[in-house]
Amino acid sequence: MDYSEYLFYIPDEARSFAADVLPSFFEDAAFESFEPTCDGIKAFAPSGTIDDNDVEAVLRTFVATFPMAEGISFSKKRIADRNWNEKWENDSFRYVVIADRCVVHSPLVTDAPAAEYDILISPKQAFGSGCHETTSLVVKRILSADMAGKSAVDVGCGTAILAILAKKKGAARVVAFDIDRWAYENARTNLELNGLHDVELRHGGFDVMPDGQFDYIFANITRNILLEGLPVYASRSAKGTRLFMSGFLSEDVDFVCKACREYGYAVSDQSEMDGWASVECVKL
């Protein structure tokens, strides 16, 4: 089957969040996968399954919701059928080793090095594989945390890599949710690949986050949505709850830390990698 490749150009000022948010606006479309690029994102669908007028209508809705994305555009080309999993593996992700303790790899890869924690990620999308700096930053925090017997929630879980690691480190209860349908389906696949059947996976936004309090909250999402969720995180935090946050640029650290303090958190640590940042907070 031939495919159509849509290349969405996203203006610089919107790119830091729009590449993550835009796919959710295409939930009812026939796109099978999304791939980040230096200028925006690519999307792939079987040829003839998507009307360009519908794509333009979605983009108009997106700009109406996020005016800073004014100027977003797309181009399209037809590409011949291919082995998508093989292309994804060869061109992008094979495996990544984090902090010499965790290896994340495709199930198609047989030569990944041994590590204390081995995580399988199905090659359906690269985001959440551990290759991105923000994922690596939060993975390192989980590796250093005492998860045994604790409860954790993974906000905007993507591939569920953080939820998987928390469970492999002995967390008693892990909840993961994502508003994006493709991410939710990919997370479900990855949980099965790792033999984890007791992670509570949910499809939705902050409204599906369970009531009650958690020992750990992981939130690796875009800055604006990250901060939008702070009242929710605070309501699910007891004294001593640890909040691991990433998905924002180094230049935004002070802004993020200030917002966390306003909701009763103390910032206990911060770290950076190639222009991206992560903070660790404790509920007072």
C-alpha atoms as a PDB file:
ATOM      1  CA  MET A   1       0.000   0.000   0.000  1.00  0.00           C
ATOM      2  CA  ASP A   2       1.264   3.457  -0.907  1.00  0.00           C
ATOM      3  CA  TYR A   3       1.269   6.199   1.710  1.00  0.00           C
ATOM      4  CA  SER A   4       0.900   9.952   1.859  1.00  0.00           C
ATOM      5  CA  GLU A   5       3.519  11.827   3.857  1.00  0.00           C
ATOM      6  CA  TYR A   6       2.324  15.140   5.281  1.00  0.00           C
ATOM      7  CA  LEU A   7       5.001  17.566   6.428  1.00  0.00           C
ATOM      8  CA  PHE A   8       3.644  20.149   8.876  1.00  0.00           C
ATOM      9  CA  TYR A   9       5.816  23.242   9.165  1.00  0.00           C
ATOM     10  CA  ILE A  10       5.402  24.860  12.600  1.00  0.00           C
ATOM     11  CA  PRO A  11       6.680  28.409  13.302  1.00  0.00           C
ATOM     12  CA  ASP A  12       9.595  28.687  15.714  1.00  0.00           C
ATOM     13  CA  GLU A  13       7.618  30.301  18.521  1.00  0.00           C
ATOM     14  CA  ALA A  14       5.099  27.449  18.601  1.00  0.00           C
ATOM     15  CA  ARG A  15       7.340  24.500  17.818  1.00  0.00           C
ATOM     16  CA  SER A  16       8.288  23.662  21.407  1.00  0.00           C
ATOM     17  CA  PHE A  17       4.748  22.545  22.208  1.00  0.00           C
ATOM     18  CA  ALA A  18       2.800  22.255  18.936  1.00  0.00           C
ATOM     19  CA  ALA A  19       4.662  19.168  17.717  1.00  0.00           C
ATOM     20  CA  ASP A  20       3.320  17.335  20.773  1.00  0.00           C
ATOM     21  CA  VAL A  21      -0.177  18.824  20.804  1.00  0.00           C
ATOM     22  CA  LEU A  22      -1.078  18.922  17.096  1.00  0.00           C
ATOM     23  CA  PRO A  23      -1.456  15.116  16.675  1.00  0.00           C
ATOM     24  CA  SER A  24      -4.293  15.093  19.216  1.00  0.00           C
ATOM     25  CA  PHE A  25      -6.263  17.419  16.905  1.00  0.00           C
ATOM     26  CA  PHE A  26      -6.131  14.710  14.242  1.00  0.00           C
ATOM     27  CA  GLU A  27      -7.607  12.008  16.467  1.00  0.00           C
ATOM     28  CA  ASP A  28     -10.406  11.245  13.981  1.00  0.00           C
ATOM     29  CA  ALA A  29      -8.127  11.228  10.936  1.00  0.00           C
ATOM     30  CA  ALA A  30      -6.474   8.193   9.360  1.00  0.00           C
ATOM     31  CA  PHE A  31      -2.895   9.086  10.267  1.00  0.00           C
ATOM     32  CA  GLU A  32      -1.048   6.007  11.455  1.00  0.00           C
ATOM     33  CA  SER A  33       2.058   7.646  12.868  1.00  0.00           C
ATOM     34  CA  PHE A  34       3.748  10.971  13.560  1.00  0.00           C
ATOM     35  CA  GLU A  35       7.447  11.756  13.463  1.00  0.00           C
ATOM     36  CA  PRO A  36       9.188  14.903  14.781  1.00  0.00           C
ATOM     37  CA  THR A  37      11.375  16.916  12.407  1.00  0.00           C
ATOM     38  CA  CYS A  38      13.572  19.964  12.868  1.00  0.00           C
ATOM     39  CA  ASP A  39      10.819  22.168  11.374  1.00  0.00           C
ATOM     40  CA  GLY A  40       7.691  20.521  12.802  1.00  0.00           C
ATOM     41  CA  ILE A  41       6.294  17.028  12.347  1.00  0.00           C
ATOM     42  CA  LYS A  42       5.645  14.461   9.631  1.00  0.00           C
ATOM     43  CA  ALA A  43       2.489  12.371   9.529  1.00  0.00           C
ATOM     44  CA  PHE A  44       1.781   9.250   7.517  1.00  0.00           C
ATOM     45  CA  ALA A  45      -1.520   7.849   6.234  1.00  0.00           C
ATOM     46  CA  PRO A  46      -2.548   5.346   3.552  1.00  0.00           C
ATOM     47  CA  SER A  47      -2.981   7.188   0.246  1.00  0.00           C
ATOM     48  CA  GLY A  48      -6.471   8.479  -0.367  1.00  0.00           C
ATOM     49  CA  THR A  49      -7.683   8.176   3.229  1.00  0.00           C
ATOM     50  CA  ILE A  50      -7.389  11.867   4.177  1.00  0.00           C
ATOM     51  CA  ASP A  51      -8.939  14.878   2.481  1.00  0.00           C
ATOM     52  CA  ASP A  52      -6.631  17.907   2.314  1.00  0.00           C
ATOM     53  CA  ASN A  53      -9.588  20.203   3.009  1.00  0.00           C
ATOM     54  CA  ASP A  54     -10.123  18.374   6.296  1.00  0.00           C
ATOM     55  CA  VAL A  55      -6.446  18.855   7.167  1.00  0.00           C
ATOM     56  CA  GLU A  56      -6.756  22.581   6.516  1.00  0.00           C
ATOM     57  CA  ALA A  57      -9.870  22.753   8.695  1.00  0.00           C
ATOM     58  CA  VAL A  58      -8.019  21.089  11.566  1.00  0.00           C
ATOM     59  CA  LEU A  59      -5.129  23.531  11.212  1.00  0.00           C
ATOM     60  CA  ARG A  60      -7.551  26.475  11.341  1.00  0.00           C
ATOM     61  CA  THR A  61      -9.017  25.077  14.562  1.00  0.00           C
ATOM     62  CA  PHE A  62      -5.527  24.572  15.956  1.00  0.00           C
ATOM     63  CA  VAL A  63      -4.507  28.174  15.215  1.00  0.00           C
ATOM     64  CA  ALA A  64      -7.764  29.451  16.710  1.00  0.00           C
ATOM     65  CA  THR A  65      -6.863  27.555  19.892  1.00  0.00           C
ATOM     66  CA  PHE A  66      -3.164  28.506  19.835  1.00  0.00           C
ATOM     67  CA  PRO A  67      -2.801  31.861  18.000  1.00  0.00           C
ATOM     68  CA  MET A  68       0.993  31.742  18.308  1.00  0.00           C
ATOM     69  CA  ALA A  69       0.890  28.910  15.753  1.00  0.00           C
ATOM     70  CA  GLU A  70      -0.280  31.331  13.047  1.00  0.00           C
ATOM     71  CA  GLY A  71       1.654  30.473   9.906  1.00  0.00           C
ATOM     72  CA  ILE A  72       1.526  26.706  10.309  1.00  0.00           C
ATOM     73  CA  SER A  73       1.361  25.012   6.904  1.00  0.00           C
ATOM     74  CA  PHE A  74       1.723  21.608   5.296  1.00  0.00           C
ATOM     75  CA  SER A  75       2.926  19.904   2.158  1.00  0.00           C
ATOM     76  CA  LYS A  76       2.213  16.388   0.944  1.00  0.00           C
ATOM     77  CA  LYS A  77       3.928  13.775  -1.169  1.00  0.00           C
ATOM     78  CA  ARG A  78       3.215  10.196  -2.115  1.00  0.00           C
ATOM     79  CA  ILE A  79       5.652   7.513  -1.061  1.00  0.00           C
ATOM     80  CA  ALA A  80       5.841   3.864  -1.985  1.00  0.00           C
ATOM     81  CA  ASP A  81       5.016   1.107   0.447  1.00  0.00           C
ATOM     82  CA  ARG A  82       7.846  -0.011   2.694  1.00  0.00           C
ATOM     83  CA  ASN A  83       8.602  -1.908   5.868  1.00  0.00           C
ATOM     84  CA  TRP A  84       7.859   0.950   8.292  1.00  0.00           C
ATOM     85  CA  ASN A  85       9.188  -0.765  11.403  1.00  0.00           C
ATOM     86  CA  GLU A  86      12.464  -1.603   9.644  1.00  0.00           C
ATOM     87  CA  LYS A  87      12.819   1.960   8.329  1.00  0.00           C
ATOM     88  CA  TRP A  88      12.081   3.412  11.776  1.00  0.00           C
ATOM     89  CA  GLU A  89      14.674   1.152  13.400  1.00  0.00           C
ATOM     90  CA  ASN A  90      17.385   1.702  10.808  1.00  0.00           C
ATOM     91  CA  ASP A  91      16.907   5.454  10.418  1.00  0.00           C
ATOM     92  CA  SER A  92      16.167   6.445  13.971  1.00  0.00           C
ATOM     93  CA  PHE A  93      15.940   4.375  17.100  1.00  0.00           C
ATOM     94  CA  ARG A  94      17.760   1.154  17.909  1.00  0.00           C
ATOM     95  CA  TYR A  95      18.635   1.475  21.576  1.00  0.00           C
ATOM     96  CA  VAL A  96      19.708   4.041  24.131  1.00  0.00           C
ATOM     97  CA  VAL A  97      21.562   3.515  27.405  1.00  0.00           C
ATOM     98  CA  ILE A  98      20.751   5.928  30.227  1.00  0.00           C
ATOM     99  CA  ALA A  99      23.026   6.460  33.237  1.00  0.00           C
ATOM    100  CA  ASP A 100      24.678   3.074  32.574  1.00  0.00           C
ATOM    101  CA  ARG A 101      21.740   1.418  34.343  1.00  0.00           C
ATOM    102  CA  CYS A 102      18.845   1.409  31.898  1.00  0.00           C
ATOM    103  CA  VAL A 103      18.718   0.288  28.278  1.00  0.00           C
ATOM    104  CA  VAL A 104      15.711   1.139  26.129  1.00  0.00           C
ATOM    105  CA  HIS A 105      15.429  -0.684  22.828  1.00  0.00           C
ATOM    106  CA  SER A 106      13.158  -1.898  20.084  1.00  0.00           C
ATOM    107  CA  PRO A 107      12.075  -5.557  20.256  1.00  0.00           C
ATOM    108  CA  LEU A 108      13.589  -5.829  16.762  1.00  0.00           C
ATOM    109  CA  VAL A 109      17.047  -5.168  18.205  1.00  0.00           C
ATOM    110  CA  THR A 110      18.955  -8.227  19.413  1.00  0.00           C
ATOM    111  CA  ASP A 111      22.338  -6.668  20.190  1.00  0.00           C
ATOM    112  CA  ALA A 112      21.364  -4.099  22.857  1.00  0.00           C
ATOM    113  CA  PRO A 113      23.802  -4.154  25.789  1.00  0.00           C
ATOM    114  CA  ALA A 114      22.734  -5.699  29.080  1.00  0.00           C
ATOM    115  CA  ALA A 115      21.684  -3.321  31.840  1.00  0.00           C
ATOM    116  CA  GLU A 116      20.078  -3.387  35.269  1.00  0.00           C
ATOM    117  CA  TYR A 117      16.758  -2.273  33.751  1.00  0.00           C
ATOM    118  CA  ASP A 118      15.762  -3.408  30.266  1.00  0.00           C
ATOM    119  CA  ILE A 119      12.796  -1.665  28.609  1.00  0.00           C
ATOM    120  CA  LEU A 120      11.219  -2.635  25.299  1.00  0.00           C
ATOM    121  CA  ILE A 121       9.600   0.100  23.213  1.00  0.00           C
ATOM    122  CA  SER A 122       7.681  -0.874  20.083  1.00  0.00           C
ATOM    123  CA  PRO A 123       8.992   1.014  17.032  1.00  0.00           C
ATOM    124  CA  LYS A 124       5.814   2.925  16.251  1.00  0.00           C
ATOM    125  CA  GLN A 125       7.050   6.396  17.189  1.00  0.00           C
ATOM    126  CA  ALA A 126      10.389   7.791  18.351  1.00  0.00           C
ATOM    127  CA  PHE A 127       9.097  10.168  21.016  1.00  0.00           C
ATOM    128  CA  GLY A 128       9.328   8.524  24.413  1.00  0.00           C
ATOM    129  CA  SER A 129      12.050   6.099  23.413  1.00  0.00           C
ATOM    130  CA  GLY A 130      14.526   7.770  25.754  1.00  0.00           C
ATOM    131  CA  CYS A 131      16.362   9.476  22.905  1.00  0.00           C
ATOM    132  CA  HIS A 132      14.970  12.892  23.752  1.00  0.00           C
ATOM    133  CA  GLU A 133      16.793  14.814  26.450  1.00  0.00           C
ATOM    134  CA  THR A 134      13.677  15.408  28.550  1.00  0.00           C
ATOM    135  CA  THR A 135      12.872  11.695  28.731  1.00  0.00           C
ATOM    136  CA  SER A 136      16.439  10.894  29.680  1.00  0.00           C
ATOM    137  CA  LEU A 137      16.402  13.549  32.414  1.00  0.00           C
ATOM    138  CA  VAL A 138      13.308  12.082  34.079  1.00  0.00           C
ATOM    139  CA  VAL A 139      14.529   8.501  33.646  1.00  0.00           C
ATOM    140  CA  LYS A 140      17.654   9.452  35.588  1.00  0.00           C
ATOM    141  CA  ARG A 141      15.500  10.822  38.417  1.00  0.00           C
ATOM    142  CA  ILE A 142      13.479   7.614  38.596  1.00  0.00           C
ATOM    143  CA  LEU A 143      16.668   5.553  38.601  1.00  0.00           C
ATOM    144  CA  SER A 144      17.838   7.487  41.663  1.00  0.00           C
ATOM    145  CA  ALA A 145      14.486   7.260  43.465  1.00  0.00           C
ATOM    146  CA  ASP A 146      13.282   4.681  45.974  1.00  0.00           C
ATOM    147  CA  MET A 147      10.253   3.306  44.153  1.00  0.00           C
ATOM    148  CA  ALA A 148       9.805   0.054  46.106  1.00  0.00           C
ATOM    149  CA  GLY A 149       6.238  -0.278  47.339  1.00  0.00           C
ATOM    150  CA  LYS A 150       5.399   3.309  46.318  1.00  0.00           C
ATOM    151  CA  SER A 151       2.639   4.743  44.113  1.00  0.00           C
ATOM    152  CA  ALA A 152       3.296   6.761  40.975  1.00  0.00           C
ATOM    153  CA  VAL A 153       1.361   8.455  38.187  1.00  0.00           C
ATOM    154  CA  ASP A 154       2.774   9.186  34.735  1.00  0.00           C
ATOM    155  CA  VAL A 155       1.089  12.298  33.289  1.00  0.00           C
ATOM    156  CA  GLY A 156       1.023  12.431  29.482  1.00  0.00           C
ATOM    157  CA  CYS A 157       2.748   9.064  29.420  1.00  0.00           C
ATOM    158  CA  GLY A 158       3.559   8.845  25.687  1.00  0.00           C
ATOM    159  CA  THR A 159       5.131   5.424  25.187  1.00  0.00           C
ATOM    160  CA  ALA A 160       4.797   4.753  28.961  1.00  0.00           C
ATOM    161  CA  ILE A 161       8.558   4.473  29.372  1.00  0.00           C
ATOM    162  CA  LEU A 162       8.465   6.239  32.757  1.00  0.00           C
ATOM    163  CA  ALA A 163       5.599   4.102  34.033  1.00  0.00           C
ATOM    164  CA  ILE A 164       7.403   0.959  32.884  1.00  0.00           C
ATOM    165  CA  LEU A 165      10.612   1.926  34.652  1.00  0.00           C
ATOM    166  CA  ALA A 166       8.755   2.810  37.864  1.00  0.00           C
ATOM    167  CA  LYS A 167       7.101  -0.607  37.847  1.00  0.00           C
ATOM    168  CA  LYS A 168      10.363  -2.394  37.123  1.00  0.00           C
ATOM    169  CA  LYS A 169      11.878  -0.540  40.086  1.00  0.00           C
ATOM    170  CA  GLY A 170       9.250  -2.013  42.382  1.00  0.00           C
ATOM    171  CA  ALA A 171       6.451   0.563  42.536  1.00  0.00           C
ATOM    172  CA  ALA A 172       3.321  -1.038  43.945  1.00  0.00           C
ATOM    173  CA  ARG A 173       0.795   1.055  42.021  1.00  0.00           C
ATOM    174  CA  VAL A 174       1.431   2.855  38.745  1.00  0.00           C
ATOM    175  CA  VAL A 175      -1.119   4.871  36.783  1.00  0.00           C
ATOM    176  CA  ALA A 176      -0.384   6.244  33.310  1.00  0.00           C
ATOM    177  CA  PHE A 177      -2.548   8.348  31.031  1.00  0.00           C
ATOM    178  CA  ASP A 178      -2.333  10.305  27.795  1.00  0.00           C
ATOM    179  CA  ILE A 179      -4.841  12.423  25.893  1.00  0.00           C
ATOM    180  CA  ASP A 180      -3.413  11.333  22.541  1.00  0.00           C
ATOM    181  CA  ARG A 181      -5.029   8.179  21.137  1.00  0.00           C
ATOM    182  CA  TRP A 182      -1.883   7.016  19.299  1.00  0.00           C
ATOM    183  CA  ALA A 183       0.206   7.429  22.443  1.00  0.00           C
ATOM    184  CA  TYR A 184      -2.371   5.515  24.478  1.00  0.00           C
ATOM    185  CA  GLU A 185      -2.387   2.606  22.019  1.00  0.00           C
ATOM    186  CA  ASN A 186       1.406   2.580  21.835  1.00  0.00           C
ATOM    187  CA  ALA A 187       1.639   2.641  25.639  1.00  0.00           C
ATOM    188  CA  ARG A 188      -0.667  -0.358  25.831  1.00  0.00           C
ATOM    189  CA  THR A 189       1.541  -2.246  23.371  1.00  0.00           C
ATOM    190  CA  ASN A 190       4.683  -1.385  25.325  1.00  0.00           C
ATOM    191  CA  LEU A 191       3.215  -2.467  28.651  1.00  0.00           C
ATOM    192  CA  GLU A 192       2.399  -5.833  27.088  1.00  0.00           C
ATOM    193  CA  LEU A 193       5.884  -6.130  25.591  1.00  0.00           C
ATOM    194  CA  ASN A 194       7.374  -5.620  29.052  1.00  0.00           C
ATOM    195  CA  GLY A 195       5.007  -8.127  30.671  1.00  0.00           C
ATOM    196  CA  LEU A 196       3.326  -5.473  32.820  1.00  0.00           C
ATOM    197  CA  HIS A 197      -0.367  -6.160  33.181  1.00  0.00           C
ATOM    198  CA  ASP A 198      -1.137  -4.246  36.377  1.00  0.00           C
ATOM    199  CA  VAL A 199      -0.284  -0.702  35.275  1.00  0.00           C
ATOM    200  CA  GLU A 200      -3.498   1.335  35.180  1.00  0.00           C
ATOM    201  CA  LEU A 201      -3.506   2.847  31.689  1.00  0.00           C
ATOM    202  CA  ARG A 202      -6.092   5.516  30.879  1.00  0.00           C
ATOM    203  CA  HIS A 203      -6.995   7.529  27.779  1.00  0.00           C
ATOM    204  CA  GLY A 204      -7.699  11.187  28.509  1.00  0.00           C
ATOM    205  CA  GLY A 205      -6.400  14.376  30.074  1.00  0.00           C
ATOM    206  CA  PHE A 206      -6.238  15.571  33.646  1.00  0.00           C
ATOM    207  CA  ASP A 207      -9.863  14.510  34.087  1.00  0.00           C
ATOM    208  CA  VAL A 208      -8.871  10.822  34.097  1.00  0.00           C
ATOM    209  CA  MET A 209      -6.163  11.217  36.743  1.00  0.00           C
ATOM    210  CA  PRO A 210      -7.381   9.167  39.726  1.00  0.00           C
ATOM    211  CA  ASP A 211      -8.371  10.766  43.007  1.00  0.00           C
ATOM    212  CA  GLY A 212      -6.178  10.155  46.009  1.00  0.00           C
ATOM    213  CA  GLN A 213      -2.554  10.937  46.700  1.00  0.00           C
ATOM    214  CA  PHE A 214       0.591   9.542  45.114  1.00  0.00           C
ATOM    215  CA  ASP A 215       4.158   9.206  46.309  1.00  0.00           C
ATOM    216  CA  TYR A 216       5.519  10.222  42.894  1.00  0.00           C
ATOM    217  CA  ILE A 217       4.163  12.236  39.987  1.00  0.00           C
ATOM    218  CA  PHE A 218       5.996  12.263  36.641  1.00  0.00           C
ATOM    219  CA  ALA A 219       5.099  14.980  34.123  1.00  0.00           C
ATOM    220  CA  ASN A 220       7.222  15.183  30.970  1.00  0.00           C
ATOM    221  CA  ILE A 221       5.053  17.322  28.697  1.00  0.00           C
ATOM    222  CA  THR A 222       5.140  20.791  27.168  1.00  0.00           C
ATOM    223  CA  ARG A 223       5.636  23.779  29.464  1.00  0.00           C
ATOM    224  CA  ASN A 224       2.184  25.339  29.206  1.00  0.00           C
ATOM    225  CA  ILE A 225       0.319  22.077  29.727  1.00  0.00           C
ATOM    226  CA  LEU A 226       2.777  21.121  32.456  1.00  0.00           C
ATOM    227  CA  LEU A 227       1.946  24.275  34.412  1.00  0.00           C
ATOM    228  CA  GLU A 228      -1.763  23.983  33.650  1.00  0.00           C
ATOM    229  CA  GLY A 229      -1.704  20.713  35.554  1.00  0.00           C
ATOM    230  CA  LEU A 230      -0.058  22.077  38.711  1.00  0.00           C
ATOM    231  CA  PRO A 231      -3.353  22.462  40.636  1.00  0.00           C
ATOM    232  CA  VAL A 232      -4.130  18.842  39.776  1.00  0.00           C
ATOM    233  CA  TYR A 233      -0.691  17.602  40.848  1.00  0.00           C
ATOM    234  CA  ALA A 234      -0.997  19.516  44.114  1.00  0.00           C
ATOM    235  CA  SER A 235      -4.408  17.979  44.831  1.00  0.00           C
ATOM    236  CA  ARG A 236      -2.902  14.491  44.370  1.00  0.00           C
ATOM    237  CA  SER A 237       0.120  15.215  46.569  1.00  0.00           C
ATOM    238  CA  ALA A 238       0.596  14.518  50.254  1.00  0.00           C
ATOM    239  CA  LYS A 239       3.402  15.960  52.330  1.00  0.00           C
ATOM    240  CA  GLY A 240       6.579  14.501  50.867  1.00  0.00           C
ATOM    241  CA  THR A 241       5.175  13.658  47.421  1.00  0.00           C
ATOM    242  CA  ARG A 242       7.920  14.035  44.829  1.00  0.00           C
ATOM    243  CA  LEU A 243       7.131  15.704  41.509  1.00  0.00           C
ATOM    244  CA  PHE A 244       9.477  15.094  38.568  1.00  0.00           C
ATOM    245  CA  MET A 245       8.898  17.575  35.737  1.00  0.00           C
ATOM    246  CA  SER A 246      10.479  18.096  32.324  1.00  0.00           C
ATOM    247  CA  GLY A 247       9.551  19.114  28.795  1.00  0.00           C
ATOM    248  CA  PHE A 248      10.671  22.745  28.974  1.00  0.00           C
ATOM    249  CA  LEU A 249      13.743  24.717  27.990  1.00  0.00           C
ATOM    250  CA  SER A 250      16.562  25.711  30.335  1.00  0.00           C
ATOM    251  CA  GLU A 251      15.547  29.354  29.995  1.00  0.00           C
ATOM    252  CA  ASP A 252      12.175  28.514  31.583  1.00  0.00           C
ATOM    253  CA  VAL A 253      13.536  26.925  34.773  1.00  0.00           C
ATOM    254  CA  ASP A 254      13.021  29.976  37.001  1.00  0.00           C
ATOM    255  CA  PHE A 255       9.478  30.440  35.709  1.00  0.00           C
ATOM    256  CA  VAL A 256       8.604  26.788  36.327  1.00  0.00           C
ATOM    257  CA  CYS A 257      10.175  26.748  39.795  1.00  0.00           C
ATOM    258  CA  LYS A 258       8.252  29.873  40.802  1.00  0.00           C
ATOM    259  CA  ALA A 259       4.972  28.276  39.710  1.00  0.00           C
ATOM    260  CA  CYS A 260       5.755  25.093  41.657  1.00  0.00           C
ATOM    261  CA  ARG A 261       6.429  27.072  44.853  1.00  0.00           C
ATOM    262  CA  GLU A 262       3.083  28.823  44.475  1.00  0.00           C
ATOM    263  CA  TYR A 263       1.409  25.409  44.764  1.00  0.00           C
ATOM    264  CA  GLY A 264       3.256  24.372  47.901  1.00  0.00           C
ATOM    265  CA  TYR A 265       6.259  22.574  46.464  1.00  0.00           C
ATOM    266  CA  ALA A 266       9.899  23.072  47.357  1.00  0.00           C
ATOM    267  CA  VAL A 267      12.340  22.676  44.482  1.00  0.00           C
ATOM    268  CA  SER A 268      14.920  20.128  45.608  1.00  0.00           C
ATOM    269  CA  ASP A 269      16.926  19.699  42.411  1.00  0.00           C
ATOM    270  CA  GLN A 270      17.237  20.829  38.823  1.00  0.00           C
ATOM    271  CA  SER A 271      19.283  19.566  35.893  1.00  0.00           C
ATOM    272  CA  GLU A 272      19.833  20.400  32.241  1.00  0.00           C
ATOM    273  CA  MET A 273      20.830  18.627  29.047  1.00  0.00           C
ATOM    274  CA  ASP A 274      21.445  20.276  25.677  1.00  0.00           C
ATOM    275  CA  GLY A 275      19.151  23.209  26.383  1.00  0.00           C
ATOM    276  CA  TRP A 276      16.369  21.186  28.022  1.00  0.00           C
ATOM    277  CA  ALA A 277      15.660  21.141  31.743  1.00  0.00           C
ATOM    278  CA  SER A 278      14.129  19.077  34.523  1.00  0.00           C
ATOM    279  CA  VAL A 279      13.176  19.920  38.095  1.00  0.00           C
ATOM    280  CA  GLU A 280      12.408  17.781  41.126  1.00  0.00           C
ATOM    281  CA  CYS A 281       9.990  19.135  43.715  1.00  0.00           C
ATOM    282  CA  VAL A 282       8.777  17.973  47.124  1.00  0.00           C
ATOM    283  CA  LYS A 283       5.354  18.817  48.526  1.00  0.00           C
ATOM    284  CA  LEU A 284       5.628  20.688  51.822  1.00  0.00           C
END
